[in-house]
Amino acid sequence: MTYVLALTGGIATGKSTADQFFEKKNIPIVDCDKIAHALMKPKNASWQVIKDNFGGEYLNDDQTINRKKLGQLVFSDKSALNKLNQLTHPLIFDKTIQKIESYQNEDMVILDAPVYFESGWDKKNIADGILVITLPETVQIDRLKQRNNLTDEEARMRIKSQIPLDKKTQLADFVIENTGTIKELESKLEQLLNKIKKEG
């Protein structure tokens, strides 16, 4: 049986760094963000529902989705965010399940799902374990501002669009605090893999 480890946390808490570690270990990663981006390419499923429900003004001249404009709308309007999620999450979920099933001969698969709890996927029992990577909100805001070139207010709005980290940690099977160096994070992830192997 393949062990599916759901990797989640908050925006800019270090999930990508964790993914790089798992890649080095040759553990396959199902990346929900990549699946979501692929579905948003012109003429694909999410692109179509966004165009039909939000209108052509959210498209660029080359027909790609204007992600910045759509982001400004949904991160400042909860009902628009809910609408977007209701339209796109089922499409992303179906593709994700297909991808996980394609790795059924592997010992372990990482399911990188930033909005695992927000999407209600924890209720669908698709993972054998849930890992939350966490850090203090002040550090999270700083990292997000630097990474995405956002103002303080924009960073806070994006963080507020997700379930608070402390709530996620209560729902998780494993919690890793990412306040140190990359080496320290990798060491914690190594210990976690050993623990899962022992218990498995």
N, C-alpha and C. Protein backbone atom coordinates (compact mmCIF):
# COMPACT_ATOMS: atom_id res chain seq x y z
N MET A 1 0.84 -1.22 0.00
CA MET A 1 0.00 0.00 0.00
C MET A 1 0.86 1.26 0.00
N THR A 2 0.48 2.20 -0.82
CA THR A 2 1.20 3.48 -0.86
C THR A 2 0.75 4.36 0.30
N TYR A 3 1.72 4.90 1.03
CA TYR A 3 1.42 5.82 2.13
C TYR A 3 1.33 7.23 1.56
N VAL A 4 0.17 7.85 1.67
CA VAL A 4 -0.02 9.21 1.16
C VAL A 4 0.12 10.20 2.32
N LEU A 5 1.15 11.05 2.23
CA LEU A 5 1.38 12.08 3.25
C LEU A 5 0.96 13.43 2.69
N ALA A 6 -0.10 13.99 3.26
CA ALA A 6 -0.55 15.33 2.84
C ALA A 6 0.34 16.37 3.49
N LEU A 7 0.89 17.24 2.67
CA LEU A 7 1.77 18.31 3.14
C LEU A 7 1.02 19.62 3.00
N THR A 8 0.80 20.30 4.11
CA THR A 8 0.09 21.57 4.05
C THR A 8 0.68 22.52 5.10
N GLY A 9 0.05 23.65 5.28
CA GLY A 9 0.55 24.66 6.21
C GLY A 9 -0.08 25.98 5.84
N GLY A 10 0.68 27.04 5.96
CA GLY A 10 0.18 28.35 5.54
C GLY A 10 0.97 28.81 4.34
N ILE A 11 0.53 29.88 3.76
CA ILE A 11 1.23 30.46 2.62
C ILE A 11 2.62 30.93 3.10
N ALA A 12 3.66 30.56 2.35
CA ALA A 12 5.06 30.97 2.65
C ALA A 12 5.63 30.38 3.94
N THR A 13 5.15 29.20 4.34
CA THR A 13 5.71 28.59 5.56
C THR A 13 6.85 27.62 5.27
N GLY A 14 7.06 27.29 3.99
CA GLY A 14 8.21 26.43 3.65
C GLY A 14 7.87 25.11 3.00
N LYS A 15 6.66 25.01 2.41
CA LYS A 15 6.25 23.75 1.77
C LYS A 15 7.14 23.43 0.56
N SER A 16 7.51 24.45 -0.20
CA SER A 16 8.36 24.22 -1.40
C SER A 16 9.73 23.67 -1.00
N THR A 17 10.27 24.17 0.11
CA THR A 17 11.57 23.68 0.60
C THR A 17 11.42 22.22 1.02
N ALA A 18 10.30 21.89 1.64
CA ALA A 18 10.03 20.49 2.03
C ALA A 18 9.92 19.62 0.78
N ASP A 19 9.24 20.13 -0.25
CA ASP A 19 9.12 19.39 -1.51
C ASP A 19 10.50 19.07 -2.10
N GLN A 20 11.40 20.04 -2.06
CA GLN A 20 12.75 19.83 -2.60
C GLN A 20 13.46 18.70 -1.85
N PHE A 21 13.25 18.65 -0.55
CA PHE A 21 13.83 17.57 0.27
C PHE A 21 13.26 16.21 -0.17
N PHE A 22 11.93 16.14 -0.32
CA PHE A 22 11.30 14.87 -0.70
C PHE A 22 11.74 14.44 -2.11
N GLU A 23 11.93 15.42 -2.99
CA GLU A 23 12.41 15.13 -4.35
C GLU A 23 13.79 14.47 -4.30
N LYS A 24 14.65 15.01 -3.43
CA LYS A 24 16.00 14.45 -3.29
C LYS A 24 15.93 13.00 -2.79
N LYS A 25 14.87 12.69 -2.07
CA LYS A 25 14.68 11.33 -1.56
C LYS A 25 13.95 10.44 -2.58
N ASN A 26 13.71 11.00 -3.76
CA ASN A 26 13.00 10.29 -4.84
C ASN A 26 11.58 9.85 -4.45
N ILE A 27 10.96 10.66 -3.62
CA ILE A 27 9.55 10.40 -3.26
C ILE A 27 8.68 11.23 -4.20
N PRO A 28 7.76 10.60 -4.93
CA PRO A 28 6.92 11.36 -5.87
C PRO A 28 6.06 12.41 -5.15
N ILE A 29 5.86 13.54 -5.83
CA ILE A 29 5.06 14.63 -5.25
C ILE A 29 3.90 14.95 -6.18
N VAL A 30 2.72 14.95 -5.61
CA VAL A 30 1.54 15.40 -6.35
C VAL A 30 1.28 16.82 -5.88
N ASP A 31 1.55 17.78 -6.75
CA ASP A 31 1.51 19.20 -6.39
C ASP A 31 0.18 19.81 -6.86
N CYS A 32 -0.70 20.10 -5.89
CA CYS A 32 -2.03 20.63 -6.22
C CYS A 32 -1.97 21.99 -6.91
N ASP A 33 -0.97 22.81 -6.54
CA ASP A 33 -0.84 24.12 -7.20
C ASP A 33 -0.52 23.95 -8.69
N LYS A 34 0.37 22.99 -9.00
CA LYS A 34 0.72 22.74 -10.42
C LYS A 34 -0.49 22.22 -11.19
N ILE A 35 -1.26 21.35 -10.53
CA ILE A 35 -2.49 20.83 -11.16
C ILE A 35 -3.47 21.98 -11.40
N ALA A 36 -3.61 22.85 -10.37
CA ALA A 36 -4.52 24.00 -10.50
C ALA A 36 -4.09 24.93 -11.64
N HIS A 37 -2.77 25.18 -11.75
CA HIS A 37 -2.25 26.06 -12.81
C HIS A 37 -2.51 25.45 -14.18
N ALA A 38 -2.29 24.14 -14.31
CA ALA A 38 -2.52 23.46 -15.60
C ALA A 38 -3.99 23.57 -16.00
N LEU A 39 -4.88 23.41 -15.03
CA LEU A 39 -6.32 23.49 -15.33
C LEU A 39 -6.76 24.90 -15.70
N MET A 40 -5.93 25.91 -15.33
CA MET A 40 -6.27 27.30 -15.64
C MET A 40 -5.71 27.77 -16.99
N LYS A 41 -5.01 26.88 -17.69
CA LYS A 41 -4.50 27.27 -19.01
C LYS A 41 -5.66 27.41 -19.98
N PRO A 42 -5.52 28.30 -20.98
CA PRO A 42 -6.63 28.54 -21.91
C PRO A 42 -7.27 27.26 -22.45
N LYS A 43 -8.61 27.26 -22.40
CA LYS A 43 -9.46 26.17 -22.89
C LYS A 43 -9.54 24.96 -21.95
N ASN A 44 -8.75 24.96 -20.87
CA ASN A 44 -8.85 23.85 -19.90
C ASN A 44 -10.01 24.11 -18.92
N ALA A 45 -10.31 23.11 -18.09
CA ALA A 45 -11.55 23.11 -17.30
C ALA A 45 -11.72 24.33 -16.39
N SER A 46 -10.71 24.66 -15.58
CA SER A 46 -10.85 25.79 -14.65
C SER A 46 -10.91 27.12 -15.40
N TRP A 47 -10.12 27.22 -16.47
CA TRP A 47 -10.13 28.43 -17.31
C TRP A 47 -11.55 28.70 -17.79
N GLN A 48 -12.22 27.64 -18.25
CA GLN A 48 -13.57 27.77 -18.80
C GLN A 48 -14.56 28.26 -17.74
N VAL A 49 -14.51 27.65 -16.53
CA VAL A 49 -15.49 28.06 -15.51
C VAL A 49 -15.20 29.47 -14.99
N ILE A 50 -13.92 29.86 -14.96
CA ILE A 50 -13.58 31.22 -14.52
C ILE A 50 -14.08 32.24 -15.55
N LYS A 51 -13.84 31.94 -16.80
CA LYS A 51 -14.29 32.83 -17.89
C LYS A 51 -15.83 32.94 -17.88
N ASP A 52 -16.50 31.80 -17.72
CA ASP A 52 -17.98 31.79 -17.76
C ASP A 52 -18.59 32.51 -16.56
N ASN A 53 -17.95 32.40 -15.39
CA ASN A 53 -18.56 32.92 -14.17
C ASN A 53 -18.04 34.30 -13.73
N PHE A 54 -16.81 34.62 -14.10
CA PHE A 54 -16.25 35.93 -13.69
C PHE A 54 -16.17 36.92 -14.85
N GLY A 55 -16.16 36.40 -16.06
CA GLY A 55 -16.18 37.28 -17.22
C GLY A 55 -14.82 37.46 -17.89
N GLY A 56 -14.89 37.90 -19.14
CA GLY A 56 -13.69 38.07 -19.98
C GLY A 56 -12.73 39.13 -19.49
N GLU A 57 -13.20 40.02 -18.57
CA GLU A 57 -12.29 41.08 -18.07
C GLU A 57 -11.18 40.50 -17.20
N TYR A 58 -11.31 39.22 -16.81
CA TYR A 58 -10.25 38.58 -16.02
C TYR A 58 -9.27 37.79 -16.90
N LEU A 59 -9.36 38.03 -18.21
CA LEU A 59 -8.42 37.40 -19.14
C LEU A 59 -7.45 38.45 -19.68
N ASN A 60 -6.20 38.03 -19.92
CA ASN A 60 -5.23 38.89 -20.59
C ASN A 60 -5.48 38.87 -22.10
N ASP A 61 -4.74 39.71 -22.83
CA ASP A 61 -4.91 39.75 -24.29
C ASP A 61 -4.65 38.40 -24.95
N ASP A 62 -3.72 37.63 -24.36
CA ASP A 62 -3.40 36.31 -24.95
C ASP A 62 -4.34 35.20 -24.45
N GLN A 63 -5.44 35.62 -23.80
CA GLN A 63 -6.48 34.70 -23.30
C GLN A 63 -6.11 33.93 -22.03
N THR A 64 -4.89 34.14 -21.51
CA THR A 64 -4.56 33.52 -20.22
C THR A 64 -5.30 34.29 -19.12
N ILE A 65 -5.47 33.64 -17.98
CA ILE A 65 -6.16 34.30 -16.87
C ILE A 65 -5.24 35.35 -16.24
N ASN A 66 -5.79 36.53 -16.00
CA ASN A 66 -5.04 37.59 -15.33
C ASN A 66 -5.07 37.27 -13.83
N ARG A 67 -4.05 36.51 -13.41
CA ARG A 67 -4.05 35.98 -12.04
C ARG A 67 -3.95 37.09 -10.99
N LYS A 68 -3.24 38.16 -11.34
CA LYS A 68 -3.09 39.28 -10.39
C LYS A 68 -4.45 39.94 -10.14
N LYS A 69 -5.17 40.20 -11.25
CA LYS A 69 -6.49 40.85 -11.15
C LYS A 69 -7.49 39.94 -10.41
N LEU A 70 -7.47 38.65 -10.76
CA LEU A 70 -8.38 37.71 -10.11
C LEU A 70 -8.02 37.58 -8.62
N GLY A 71 -6.72 37.58 -8.33
CA GLY A 71 -6.24 37.50 -6.94
C GLY A 71 -6.70 38.69 -6.12
N GLN A 72 -6.61 39.89 -6.73
CA GLN A 72 -7.04 41.10 -6.01
C GLN A 72 -8.53 41.03 -5.67
N LEU A 73 -9.31 40.44 -6.57
CA LEU A 73 -10.75 40.31 -6.32
C LEU A 73 -11.01 39.30 -5.20
N VAL A 74 -10.48 38.09 -5.34
CA VAL A 74 -10.87 37.03 -4.40
C VAL A 74 -10.26 37.19 -3.01
N PHE A 75 -9.09 37.87 -2.92
CA PHE A 75 -8.50 38.04 -1.59
C PHE A 75 -9.10 39.24 -0.85
N SER A 76 -9.95 40.01 -1.54
CA SER A 76 -10.61 41.13 -0.86
C SER A 76 -12.13 40.92 -0.75
N ASP A 77 -12.62 39.83 -1.35
CA ASP A 77 -14.06 39.57 -1.36
C ASP A 77 -14.30 38.09 -1.07
N LYS A 78 -14.74 37.80 0.14
CA LYS A 78 -14.88 36.40 0.58
C LYS A 78 -15.85 35.61 -0.28
N SER A 79 -16.94 36.26 -0.71
CA SER A 79 -17.94 35.53 -1.50
C SER A 79 -17.36 35.16 -2.88
N ALA A 80 -16.51 36.04 -3.42
CA ALA A 80 -15.87 35.74 -4.72
C ALA A 80 -14.88 34.58 -4.56
N LEU A 81 -14.17 34.57 -3.43
CA LEU A 81 -13.22 33.48 -3.15
C LEU A 81 -13.97 32.16 -3.00
N ASN A 82 -15.08 32.19 -2.27
CA ASN A 82 -15.89 30.98 -2.09
C ASN A 82 -16.41 30.45 -3.43
N LYS A 83 -16.83 31.39 -4.26
CA LYS A 83 -17.36 31.03 -5.59
C LYS A 83 -16.26 30.37 -6.43
N LEU A 84 -15.09 30.99 -6.43
CA LEU A 84 -13.95 30.46 -7.20
C LEU A 84 -13.60 29.05 -6.71
N ASN A 85 -13.57 28.88 -5.38
CA ASN A 85 -13.23 27.58 -4.80
C ASN A 85 -14.26 26.51 -5.15
N GLN A 86 -15.55 26.89 -5.07
CA GLN A 86 -16.61 25.93 -5.40
C GLN A 86 -16.54 25.46 -6.85
N LEU A 87 -16.10 26.37 -7.71
CA LEU A 87 -16.00 26.04 -9.14
C LEU A 87 -14.78 25.19 -9.46
N THR A 88 -13.64 25.54 -8.83
CA THR A 88 -12.38 24.91 -9.25
C THR A 88 -11.93 23.73 -8.38
N HIS A 89 -12.26 23.74 -7.09
CA HIS A 89 -11.76 22.67 -6.21
C HIS A 89 -12.17 21.25 -6.63
N PRO A 90 -13.44 21.04 -7.06
CA PRO A 90 -13.80 19.67 -7.51
C PRO A 90 -12.97 19.23 -8.72
N LEU A 91 -12.67 20.15 -9.61
CA LEU A 91 -11.86 19.84 -10.80
C LEU A 91 -10.44 19.45 -10.39
N ILE A 92 -9.89 20.22 -9.44
CA ILE A 92 -8.52 19.95 -8.95
C ILE A 92 -8.50 18.62 -8.20
N PHE A 93 -9.55 18.36 -7.41
CA PHE A 93 -9.63 17.12 -6.62
C PHE A 93 -9.60 15.89 -7.54
N ASP A 94 -10.42 15.90 -8.58
CA ASP A 94 -10.50 14.75 -9.49
C ASP A 94 -9.14 14.46 -10.14
N LYS A 95 -8.49 15.52 -10.60
CA LYS A 95 -7.16 15.37 -11.23
C LYS A 95 -6.13 14.86 -10.21
N THR A 96 -6.24 15.35 -8.98
CA THR A 96 -5.30 14.95 -7.91
C THR A 96 -5.42 13.46 -7.62
N ILE A 97 -6.64 12.98 -7.51
CA ILE A 97 -6.87 11.56 -7.24
C ILE A 97 -6.28 10.70 -8.36
N GLN A 98 -6.50 11.12 -9.60
CA GLN A 98 -5.92 10.40 -10.76
C GLN A 98 -4.41 10.30 -10.63
N LYS A 99 -3.81 11.42 -10.25
CA LYS A 99 -2.35 11.50 -10.15
C LYS A 99 -1.84 10.59 -9.01
N ILE A 100 -2.51 10.63 -7.86
CA ILE A 100 -2.11 9.77 -6.73
C ILE A 100 -2.18 8.30 -7.15
N GLU A 101 -3.27 7.94 -7.85
CA GLU A 101 -3.45 6.54 -8.26
C GLU A 101 -2.38 6.08 -9.24
N SER A 102 -1.80 7.03 -9.98
CA SER A 102 -0.75 6.65 -10.95
C SER A 102 0.55 6.25 -10.24
N TYR A 103 0.64 6.54 -8.93
CA TYR A 103 1.84 6.18 -8.15
C TYR A 103 1.59 5.00 -7.20
N GLN A 104 0.62 4.16 -7.53
CA GLN A 104 0.23 3.12 -6.56
C GLN A 104 1.31 2.07 -6.29
N ASN A 105 2.36 2.04 -7.12
CA ASN A 105 3.45 1.08 -6.88
C ASN A 105 4.56 1.66 -6.00
N GLU A 106 4.41 2.92 -5.62
CA GLU A 106 5.42 3.58 -4.77
C GLU A 106 5.11 3.32 -3.29
N ASP A 107 6.17 3.39 -2.46
CA ASP A 107 5.97 3.22 -1.00
C ASP A 107 5.27 4.43 -0.40
N MET A 108 5.62 5.62 -0.93
CA MET A 108 5.08 6.86 -0.36
C MET A 108 4.85 7.89 -1.46
N VAL A 109 3.83 8.71 -1.28
CA VAL A 109 3.56 9.84 -2.17
C VAL A 109 3.31 11.06 -1.29
N ILE A 110 3.88 12.20 -1.68
CA ILE A 110 3.60 13.45 -0.98
C ILE A 110 2.49 14.18 -1.73
N LEU A 111 1.44 14.52 -1.02
CA LEU A 111 0.36 15.32 -1.61
C LEU A 111 0.52 16.74 -1.10
N ASP A 112 1.11 17.61 -1.96
CA ASP A 112 1.33 19.00 -1.58
C ASP A 112 0.03 19.77 -1.83
N ALA A 113 -0.71 20.03 -0.74
CA ALA A 113 -2.05 20.64 -0.86
C ALA A 113 -2.15 21.83 0.08
N PRO A 114 -1.80 23.04 -0.40
CA PRO A 114 -1.81 24.23 0.46
C PRO A 114 -3.16 24.48 1.14
N VAL A 115 -4.26 24.18 0.43
CA VAL A 115 -5.59 24.44 1.03
C VAL A 115 -6.31 23.11 1.33
N TYR A 116 -5.55 22.17 1.88
CA TYR A 116 -6.07 20.83 2.19
C TYR A 116 -7.30 20.91 3.11
N PHE A 117 -7.20 21.70 4.16
CA PHE A 117 -8.33 21.83 5.10
C PHE A 117 -9.42 22.73 4.54
N GLU A 118 -8.99 23.85 3.90
CA GLU A 118 -9.96 24.81 3.35
C GLU A 118 -10.86 24.14 2.31
N SER A 119 -10.29 23.16 1.57
CA SER A 119 -11.05 22.47 0.53
C SER A 119 -11.91 21.33 1.08
N GLY A 120 -11.73 21.04 2.37
CA GLY A 120 -12.48 19.93 2.97
C GLY A 120 -11.94 18.56 2.62
N TRP A 121 -10.70 18.53 2.12
CA TRP A 121 -10.13 17.24 1.70
C TRP A 121 -9.83 16.33 2.89
N ASP A 122 -9.64 16.94 4.08
CA ASP A 122 -9.39 16.12 5.27
C ASP A 122 -10.60 15.22 5.58
N LYS A 123 -11.78 15.65 5.13
CA LYS A 123 -13.00 14.85 5.37
C LYS A 123 -13.11 13.70 4.37
N LYS A 124 -12.33 13.77 3.29
CA LYS A 124 -12.44 12.75 2.23
C LYS A 124 -11.47 11.58 2.43
N ASN A 125 -10.66 11.67 3.48
CA ASN A 125 -9.73 10.58 3.82
C ASN A 125 -8.85 10.12 2.66
N ILE A 126 -8.24 11.07 1.97
CA ILE A 126 -7.38 10.67 0.86
C ILE A 126 -5.92 10.52 1.29
N ALA A 127 -5.60 10.95 2.50
CA ALA A 127 -4.22 10.83 2.99
C ALA A 127 -4.16 9.94 4.22
N ASP A 128 -3.01 9.28 4.39
CA ASP A 128 -2.79 8.43 5.56
C ASP A 128 -2.25 9.23 6.74
N GLY A 129 -1.64 10.36 6.43
CA GLY A 129 -1.11 11.24 7.46
C GLY A 129 -1.09 12.68 6.95
N ILE A 130 -1.21 13.64 7.87
CA ILE A 130 -1.20 15.06 7.48
C ILE A 130 -0.06 15.75 8.21
N LEU A 131 0.81 16.38 7.43
CA LEU A 131 1.93 17.16 7.97
C LEU A 131 1.67 18.63 7.76
N VAL A 132 1.70 19.39 8.85
CA VAL A 132 1.55 20.85 8.77
C VAL A 132 2.90 21.49 9.08
N ILE A 133 3.36 22.35 8.15
CA ILE A 133 4.58 23.13 8.40
C ILE A 133 4.13 24.51 8.85
N THR A 134 4.65 24.93 9.99
CA THR A 134 4.15 26.16 10.62
C THR A 134 5.29 27.11 10.98
N LEU A 135 4.95 28.37 11.16
CA LEU A 135 5.89 29.35 11.73
C LEU A 135 5.09 30.53 12.26
N PRO A 136 5.71 31.38 13.09
CA PRO A 136 4.98 32.54 13.64
C PRO A 136 4.48 33.46 12.53
N GLU A 137 3.32 34.08 12.75
CA GLU A 137 2.70 34.91 11.71
C GLU A 137 3.59 36.07 11.27
N THR A 138 4.35 36.65 12.21
CA THR A 138 5.22 37.79 11.83
C THR A 138 6.27 37.36 10.81
N VAL A 139 6.82 36.16 11.00
CA VAL A 139 7.82 35.62 10.06
C VAL A 139 7.14 35.29 8.73
N GLN A 140 5.94 34.74 8.83
CA GLN A 140 5.17 34.37 7.64
C GLN A 140 4.89 35.61 6.78
N ILE A 141 4.48 36.70 7.42
CA ILE A 141 4.19 37.95 6.69
C ILE A 141 5.45 38.46 6.00
N ASP A 142 6.57 38.46 6.72
CA ASP A 142 7.84 38.94 6.14
C ASP A 142 8.24 38.12 4.92
N ARG A 143 8.14 36.77 5.05
CA ARG A 143 8.53 35.89 3.94
C ARG A 143 7.61 36.10 2.73
N LEU A 144 6.33 36.23 3.00
CA LEU A 144 5.35 36.40 1.92
C LEU A 144 5.55 37.73 1.20
N LYS A 145 5.81 38.79 1.97
CA LYS A 145 6.05 40.12 1.37
C LYS A 145 7.26 40.07 0.44
N GLN A 146 8.33 39.43 0.92
CA GLN A 146 9.56 39.33 0.12
C GLN A 146 9.33 38.47 -1.12
N ARG A 147 8.70 37.33 -0.92
CA ARG A 147 8.55 36.36 -2.01
C ARG A 147 7.64 36.87 -3.13
N ASN A 148 6.50 37.47 -2.74
CA ASN A 148 5.50 37.88 -3.73
C ASN A 148 5.47 39.38 -3.98
N ASN A 149 6.43 40.09 -3.35
CA ASN A 149 6.51 41.54 -3.53
C ASN A 149 5.17 42.21 -3.17
N LEU A 150 4.68 41.91 -1.98
CA LEU A 150 3.38 42.42 -1.53
C LEU A 150 3.56 43.47 -0.45
N THR A 151 2.51 44.28 -0.27
CA THR A 151 2.50 45.21 0.85
C THR A 151 2.11 44.41 2.11
N ASP A 152 2.28 45.04 3.25
CA ASP A 152 1.90 44.44 4.52
C ASP A 152 0.43 44.01 4.50
N GLU A 153 -0.41 44.91 4.01
CA GLU A 153 -1.85 44.68 3.99
C GLU A 153 -2.21 43.51 3.05
N GLU A 154 -1.58 43.47 1.86
CA GLU A 154 -1.85 42.39 0.89
C GLU A 154 -1.44 41.04 1.47
N ALA A 155 -0.29 41.03 2.15
CA ALA A 155 0.20 39.78 2.76
C ALA A 155 -0.78 39.30 3.83
N ARG A 156 -1.24 40.23 4.65
CA ARG A 156 -2.19 39.86 5.73
C ARG A 156 -3.50 39.31 5.16
N MET A 157 -3.97 39.94 4.07
CA MET A 157 -5.23 39.51 3.45
C MET A 157 -5.11 38.08 2.92
N ARG A 158 -3.95 37.76 2.33
CA ARG A 158 -3.75 36.40 1.80
C ARG A 158 -3.69 35.37 2.92
N ILE A 159 -3.02 35.74 4.00
CA ILE A 159 -2.92 34.82 5.14
C ILE A 159 -4.31 34.62 5.76
N LYS A 160 -5.09 35.71 5.84
CA LYS A 160 -6.43 35.64 6.45
C LYS A 160 -7.40 34.81 5.60
N SER A 161 -7.07 34.62 4.30
CA SER A 161 -7.97 33.85 3.43
C SER A 161 -7.87 32.35 3.72
N GLN A 162 -6.87 31.97 4.52
CA GLN A 162 -6.69 30.57 4.89
C GLN A 162 -7.06 30.34 6.35
N ILE A 163 -7.31 29.08 6.68
CA ILE A 163 -7.59 28.71 8.08
C ILE A 163 -6.34 29.02 8.91
N PRO A 164 -6.48 29.62 10.11
CA PRO A 164 -5.30 29.96 10.92
C PRO A 164 -4.40 28.74 11.17
N LEU A 165 -3.09 28.99 11.18
CA LEU A 165 -2.12 27.92 11.35
C LEU A 165 -2.31 27.12 12.64
N ASP A 166 -2.66 27.82 13.73
CA ASP A 166 -2.80 27.08 14.99
C ASP A 166 -3.97 26.09 14.92
N LYS A 167 -5.00 26.43 14.15
CA LYS A 167 -6.13 25.50 13.97
C LYS A 167 -5.67 24.29 13.14
N LYS A 168 -4.86 24.55 12.10
CA LYS A 168 -4.36 23.46 11.24
C LYS A 168 -3.48 22.50 12.05
N THR A 169 -2.68 23.06 12.95
CA THR A 169 -1.79 22.19 13.73
C THR A 169 -2.61 21.24 14.63
N GLN A 170 -3.77 21.71 15.07
CA GLN A 170 -4.63 20.86 15.91
C GLN A 170 -5.21 19.69 15.10
N LEU A 171 -5.36 19.90 13.78
CA LEU A 171 -5.97 18.88 12.92
C LEU A 171 -4.93 17.94 12.30
N ALA A 172 -3.65 18.27 12.49
CA ALA A 172 -2.57 17.53 11.82
C ALA A 172 -2.15 16.29 12.61
N ASP A 173 -1.54 15.34 11.88
CA ASP A 173 -0.92 14.18 12.53
C ASP A 173 0.53 14.49 12.93
N PHE A 174 1.17 15.34 12.11
CA PHE A 174 2.56 15.73 12.35
C PHE A 174 2.69 17.24 12.16
N VAL A 175 3.47 17.88 13.04
CA VAL A 175 3.68 19.33 12.94
C VAL A 175 5.18 19.61 12.98
N ILE A 176 5.66 20.40 12.02
CA ILE A 176 7.07 20.81 12.02
C ILE A 176 7.11 22.33 11.99
N GLU A 177 7.83 22.91 12.95
CA GLU A 177 7.98 24.37 12.97
C GLU A 177 9.23 24.75 12.18
N ASN A 178 9.03 25.59 11.18
CA ASN A 178 10.11 25.95 10.26
C ASN A 178 10.66 27.33 10.59
N THR A 179 11.32 27.45 11.75
CA THR A 179 11.85 28.76 12.17
C THR A 179 13.37 28.83 12.00
N GLY A 180 14.00 27.71 11.66
CA GLY A 180 15.46 27.70 11.56
C GLY A 180 15.95 27.72 10.12
N THR A 181 17.08 27.07 9.90
CA THR A 181 17.69 27.03 8.57
C THR A 181 17.05 25.91 7.74
N ILE A 182 17.39 25.88 6.45
CA ILE A 182 16.91 24.81 5.57
C ILE A 182 17.43 23.46 6.07
N LYS A 183 18.69 23.46 6.51
CA LYS A 183 19.31 22.22 7.05
C LYS A 183 18.49 21.68 8.23
N GLU A 184 18.06 22.59 9.11
CA GLU A 184 17.28 22.17 10.29
C GLU A 184 15.92 21.61 9.86
N LEU A 185 15.32 22.24 8.86
CA LEU A 185 14.03 21.75 8.35
C LEU A 185 14.21 20.34 7.76
N GLU A 186 15.29 20.18 6.98
CA GLU A 186 15.55 18.87 6.36
C GLU A 186 15.78 17.78 7.41
N SER A 187 16.47 18.15 8.48
CA SER A 187 16.73 17.20 9.56
C SER A 187 15.42 16.76 10.21
N LYS A 188 14.50 17.71 10.43
CA LYS A 188 13.19 17.38 11.02
C LYS A 188 12.38 16.48 10.08
N LEU A 189 12.47 16.75 8.77
CA LEU A 189 11.74 15.95 7.79
C LEU A 189 12.31 14.52 7.73
N GLU A 190 13.62 14.42 7.84
CA GLU A 190 14.29 13.10 7.85
C GLU A 190 13.80 12.27 9.04
N GLN A 191 13.72 12.92 10.21
CA GLN A 191 13.22 12.24 11.42
C GLN A 191 11.78 11.77 11.23
N LEU A 192 10.99 12.62 10.56
CA LEU A 192 9.58 12.28 10.32
C LEU A 192 9.47 11.05 9.40
N LEU A 193 10.26 11.02 8.34
CA LEU A 193 10.23 9.87 7.43
C LEU A 193 10.60 8.58 8.17
N ASN A 194 11.60 8.67 9.01
CA ASN A 194 12.01 7.49 9.80
C ASN A 194 10.90 7.02 10.72
N LYS A 195 10.22 7.99 11.31
CA LYS A 195 9.11 7.66 12.23
C LYS A 195 7.98 6.95 11.48
N ILE A 196 7.62 7.48 10.30
CA ILE A 196 6.55 6.88 9.51
C ILE A 196 6.93 5.46 9.07
N LYS A 197 8.20 5.31 8.64
CA LYS A 197 8.66 3.97 8.21
C LYS A 197 8.58 2.96 9.35
N LYS A 198 9.00 3.41 10.54
CA LYS A 198 8.99 2.52 11.73
C LYS A 198 7.56 2.09 12.06
N GLU A 199 6.67 3.09 12.05
CA GLU A 199 5.27 2.80 12.43
C GLU A 199 4.55 2.02 11.35
N GLY A 200 4.99 2.21 10.09
CA GLY A 200 4.35 1.52 8.97
C GLY A 200 4.72 0.06 8.96
